[in-house]
Amino acid sequence: MQANTCFDSWSALKLRQLQSWMCKKVYKEGDNVWEAKQKAEISILVAHGRFVYDNSDQIHPFERGAFIGEFPKLIDFADEEPETILTTTLRCIEPGYCFVLPKEGLQPFL
C-alpha cells in the first residue's frame, strides 16, 4: 500500500480495516485476473508483477502500487442500479501477486 499515494492520507486504522478485506492471490504469466462479460466482483492492488488490459493499446503495464478495477461497475450508487458486467479483460504478463479486494469490501471506503 505504501507504493500507492492514494492511501497517504489514510489513518493506520482505516488502512488496517481495508487490509482486513483483502486476500493475497498469485498470478502466473497469461492468467486472467478478470474477463470481459463476467460480473464485476473484485478490484486489485498490485504488489509484484505486471498486468495489462487485453487487446488494448496500453503503453505501460500496471505495476507495484496500481489499484485497478472497473470501479463504476463495483460501486453501488444509492439512486440507480449499477451495470455490473465487465467490459475489460485484465491479464498478467509478468508473474506476481496482488491483494484482491471484493466488491463488498470496497463500498465502505467510498
Protein backbone atom coordinates (compact mmCIF):
# COMPACT_ATOMS: atom_id res chain seq x y z
CA MET A 1 0.00 0.00 0.00
CA GLN A 2 2.94 2.31 0.55
CA ALA A 3 3.56 2.29 -3.23
CA ASN A 4 0.18 3.95 -3.90
CA THR A 5 -0.09 7.63 -2.91
CA CYS A 6 -3.91 7.40 -2.80
CA PHE A 7 -3.56 5.90 0.66
CA ASP A 8 -1.11 8.50 2.04
CA SER A 9 -3.78 10.46 3.92
CA TRP A 10 -5.48 7.37 5.38
CA SER A 11 -5.13 6.64 9.09
CA ALA A 12 -3.47 3.42 10.25
CA LEU A 13 -6.87 2.20 11.47
CA LYS A 14 -8.52 2.79 8.10
CA LEU A 15 -5.66 1.01 6.31
CA ARG A 16 -5.96 -2.00 8.64
CA GLN A 17 -9.70 -2.13 8.01
CA LEU A 18 -9.12 -2.15 4.25
CA GLN A 19 -6.40 -4.80 4.57
CA SER A 20 -8.78 -7.00 6.55
CA TRP A 21 -10.94 -7.29 3.42
CA MET A 22 -8.04 -8.14 1.12
CA CYS A 23 -6.51 -11.50 0.35
CA LYS A 24 -3.27 -12.30 -1.47
CA LYS A 25 -3.52 -14.03 -4.84
CA VAL A 26 -0.64 -15.23 -7.00
CA TYR A 27 -0.84 -14.88 -10.80
CA LYS A 28 1.24 -16.60 -13.45
CA GLU A 29 2.08 -15.12 -16.85
CA GLY A 30 -1.01 -15.43 -19.06
CA ASP A 31 -3.52 -15.67 -16.18
CA ASN A 32 -6.61 -13.50 -16.47
CA VAL A 33 -7.42 -11.56 -13.33
CA TRP A 34 -10.91 -10.95 -14.72
CA GLU A 35 -12.56 -11.27 -18.10
CA ALA A 36 -14.93 -9.13 -20.13
CA LYS A 37 -18.58 -10.19 -19.94
CA GLN A 38 -18.17 -11.55 -16.41
CA LYS A 39 -19.82 -9.95 -13.41
CA ALA A 40 -17.65 -7.35 -11.66
CA GLU A 41 -16.56 -8.88 -8.36
CA ILE A 42 -13.10 -7.56 -7.45
CA SER A 43 -10.51 -4.82 -7.63
CA ILE A 44 -6.80 -5.45 -7.07
CA LEU A 45 -3.78 -3.75 -5.59
CA VAL A 46 -0.64 -4.89 -7.43
CA ALA A 47 2.19 -5.89 -5.12
CA HIS A 48 4.50 -7.56 -7.62
CA GLY A 49 4.31 -8.41 -11.33
CA ARG A 50 2.89 -6.64 -14.36
CA PHE A 51 -0.66 -6.54 -15.70
CA VAL A 52 -2.31 -5.16 -18.85
CA TYR A 53 -5.74 -4.84 -20.35
CA ASP A 54 -6.09 -7.44 -23.08
CA ASN A 55 -6.50 -6.11 -26.64
CA SER A 56 -5.63 -2.53 -25.77
CA ASP A 57 -3.01 -0.04 -26.86
CA GLN A 58 -1.86 0.33 -23.25
CA ILE A 59 1.68 1.70 -23.32
CA HIS A 60 2.72 1.00 -19.71
CA PRO A 61 1.68 -2.09 -17.79
CA PHE A 62 0.23 -1.78 -14.31
CA GLU A 63 2.94 -2.48 -11.74
CA ARG A 64 3.54 -2.29 -7.99
CA GLY A 65 1.12 0.08 -6.27
CA ALA A 66 -1.52 0.17 -9.01
CA PHE A 67 -5.09 -0.08 -7.69
CA ILE A 68 -7.14 -1.47 -10.56
CA GLY A 69 -10.80 -2.24 -11.10
CA GLU A 70 -13.78 -1.30 -13.20
CA PHE A 71 -14.87 0.87 -10.32
CA PRO A 72 -18.17 2.18 -11.78
CA LYS A 73 -19.23 -1.48 -12.04
CA LEU A 74 -18.23 -2.16 -8.42
CA ILE A 75 -19.84 0.83 -6.71
CA ASP A 76 -23.47 0.81 -5.58
CA PHE A 77 -24.93 4.24 -6.17
CA ALA A 78 -27.96 4.99 -4.00
CA ASP A 79 -30.16 6.28 -6.81
CA GLU A 80 -29.52 3.73 -9.55
CA GLU A 81 -28.89 0.06 -10.21
CA PRO A 82 -25.26 -0.41 -11.27
CA GLU A 83 -24.29 -2.09 -14.52
CA THR A 84 -22.14 -4.95 -13.26
CA ILE A 85 -20.87 -6.67 -16.43
CA LEU A 86 -17.18 -6.11 -17.13
CA THR A 87 -16.02 -4.58 -20.40
CA THR A 88 -12.30 -5.35 -19.96
CA THR A 89 -10.04 -8.34 -19.50
CA LEU A 90 -7.05 -7.85 -17.21
CA ARG A 91 -4.12 -10.20 -17.90
CA CYS A 92 -0.90 -10.96 -16.05
CA ILE A 93 2.18 -10.52 -18.29
CA GLU A 94 4.84 -10.99 -15.59
CA PRO A 95 4.30 -13.36 -12.68
CA GLY A 96 3.49 -11.78 -9.36
CA TYR A 97 0.85 -11.33 -6.74
CA CYS A 98 -1.91 -8.88 -5.88
CA PHE A 99 -4.12 -8.11 -2.96
CA VAL A 100 -7.69 -8.78 -4.04
CA LEU A 101 -10.49 -6.61 -2.68
CA PRO A 102 -14.01 -7.96 -3.16
CA LYS A 103 -16.80 -5.61 -4.18
CA GLU A 104 -18.32 -5.81 -0.69
CA GLY A 105 -15.04 -4.63 0.82
CA LEU A 106 -14.74 -1.59 -1.43
CA GLN A 107 -18.07 0.06 -0.67
CA PRO A 108 -17.41 1.01 3.00
CA PHE A 109 -14.36 3.08 1.99
CA LEU A 110 -16.08 5.35 -0.52
